[in-house]
Amino acid sequence: MVIQNGQEFILPKKEFELLWLLISKVDKVFTREEIYSKIWGNVIVGDRTIDVHVRKIREKTEYRQY
């Protein structure tokens, strides 16, 4: 679970791991190869996997004012 501005978000395991990796070193730019290695290890995934996971994280956590 992630809490942002008092709002709770439940993320699937890989989304949480990806978010945790990205916020663990905010001053570092991770290459796709580093992300694949650290999150998916030796599992073969599609070329757009990271993009899809980042999009889902953004959809869940972006602040929306209605």
C-alpha atoms as a PDB file:
ATOM      1  CA  MET A   1       0.000   0.000   0.000  1.00  0.00           C
ATOM      2  CA  VAL A   2       1.147   3.531  -0.794  1.00  0.00           C
ATOM      3  CA  ILE A   3      -0.073   6.674   0.953  1.00  0.00           C
ATOM      4  CA  GLN A   4       0.135   9.957  -0.915  1.00  0.00           C
ATOM      5  CA  ASN A   5      -1.323  13.141   0.531  1.00  0.00           C
ATOM      6  CA  GLY A   6      -3.415  11.074   2.934  1.00  0.00           C
ATOM      7  CA  GLN A   7      -4.922   8.949   0.165  1.00  0.00           C
ATOM      8  CA  GLU A   8      -4.210   5.213   0.098  1.00  0.00           C
ATOM      9  CA  PHE A   9      -3.384   3.301  -3.076  1.00  0.00           C
ATOM     10  CA  ILE A  10      -2.999  -0.436  -3.378  1.00  0.00           C
ATOM     11  CA  LEU A  11      -0.495  -1.392  -6.028  1.00  0.00           C
ATOM     12  CA  PRO A  12       0.208  -4.848  -7.425  1.00  0.00           C
ATOM     13  CA  LYS A  13       3.605  -6.258  -6.473  1.00  0.00           C
ATOM     14  CA  LYS A  14       5.512  -5.285  -9.640  1.00  0.00           C
ATOM     15  CA  GLU A  15       4.063  -1.754  -9.668  1.00  0.00           C
ATOM     16  CA  PHE A  16       5.067  -1.341  -6.022  1.00  0.00           C
ATOM     17  CA  GLU A  17       8.568  -2.690  -6.670  1.00  0.00           C
ATOM     18  CA  LEU A  18       9.001  -0.353  -9.630  1.00  0.00           C
ATOM     19  CA  LEU A  19       7.766   2.672  -7.691  1.00  0.00           C
ATOM     20  CA  TRP A  20      10.010   1.764  -4.741  1.00  0.00           C
ATOM     21  CA  LEU A  21      13.024   1.460  -7.047  1.00  0.00           C
ATOM     22  CA  LEU A  22      12.360   4.815  -8.693  1.00  0.00           C
ATOM     23  CA  ILE A  23      11.831   6.701  -5.426  1.00  0.00           C
ATOM     24  CA  SER A  24      14.718   4.976  -3.654  1.00  0.00           C
ATOM     25  CA  LYS A  25      17.213   7.108  -5.588  1.00  0.00           C
ATOM     26  CA  VAL A  26      15.432  10.188  -6.849  1.00  0.00           C
ATOM     27  CA  ASP A  27      18.668  11.658  -8.217  1.00  0.00           C
ATOM     28  CA  LYS A  28      19.419   8.614 -10.400  1.00  0.00           C
ATOM     29  CA  VAL A  29      18.119   7.904 -13.883  1.00  0.00           C
ATOM     30  CA  PHE A  30      17.676   4.157 -14.301  1.00  0.00           C
ATOM     31  CA  THR A  31      18.170   2.590 -17.706  1.00  0.00           C
ATOM     32  CA  ARG A  32      15.564   0.152 -18.975  1.00  0.00           C
ATOM     33  CA  GLU A  33      18.111  -2.627 -18.614  1.00  0.00           C
ATOM     34  CA  GLU A  34      18.671  -1.747 -14.937  1.00  0.00           C
ATOM     35  CA  ILE A  35      14.935  -1.700 -14.271  1.00  0.00           C
ATOM     36  CA  TYR A  36      14.346  -4.999 -16.070  1.00  0.00           C
ATOM     37  CA  SER A  37      17.218  -6.575 -14.151  1.00  0.00           C
ATOM     38  CA  LYS A  38      16.199  -5.272 -10.725  1.00  0.00           C
ATOM     39  CA  ILE A  39      12.427  -5.824 -11.037  1.00  0.00           C
ATOM     40  CA  TRP A  40      11.968  -8.734 -13.438  1.00  0.00           C
ATOM     41  CA  GLY A  41      15.347 -10.461 -13.145  1.00  0.00           C
ATOM     42  CA  ASN A  42      15.747 -13.175 -15.768  1.00  0.00           C
ATOM     43  CA  VAL A  43      12.081 -13.216 -16.786  1.00  0.00           C
ATOM     44  CA  ILE A  44      11.526 -12.226 -20.403  1.00  0.00           C
ATOM     45  CA  VAL A  45       8.923  -9.475 -20.701  1.00  0.00           C
ATOM     46  CA  GLY A  46       7.651  -7.284 -23.536  1.00  0.00           C
ATOM     47  CA  ASP A  47       9.374  -4.121 -24.713  1.00  0.00           C
ATOM     48  CA  ARG A  48       6.632  -1.861 -23.341  1.00  0.00           C
ATOM     49  CA  THR A  49       6.315  -3.509 -19.905  1.00  0.00           C
ATOM     50  CA  ILE A  50       7.950  -0.646 -18.026  1.00  0.00           C
ATOM     51  CA  ASP A  51       5.857   1.942 -19.884  1.00  0.00           C
ATOM     52  CA  VAL A  52       2.639   0.127 -19.036  1.00  0.00           C
ATOM     53  CA  HIS A  53       3.553  -0.218 -15.356  1.00  0.00           C
ATOM     54  CA  VAL A  54       4.561   3.444 -15.083  1.00  0.00           C
ATOM     55  CA  ARG A  55       1.288   4.492 -16.764  1.00  0.00           C
ATOM     56  CA  LYS A  56      -0.721   2.408 -14.294  1.00  0.00           C
ATOM     57  CA  ILE A  57       1.181   3.881 -11.336  1.00  0.00           C
ATOM     58  CA  ARG A  58       0.546   7.397 -12.635  1.00  0.00           C
ATOM     59  CA  GLU A  59      -3.152   6.710 -13.177  1.00  0.00           C
ATOM     60  CA  LYS A  60      -3.492   5.544  -9.582  1.00  0.00           C
ATOM     61  CA  THR A  61      -1.396   8.217  -7.894  1.00  0.00           C
ATOM     62  CA  GLU A  62      -1.790  11.431  -9.863  1.00  0.00           C
ATOM     63  CA  TYR A  63      -3.731  14.067  -8.020  1.00  0.00           C
ATOM     64  CA  ARG A  64      -6.999  14.877  -9.694  1.00  0.00           C
ATOM     65  CA  GLN A  65      -9.161  17.769  -8.632  1.00  0.00           C
ATOM     66  CA  TYR A  66     -12.792  17.595  -9.743  1.00  0.00           C
END
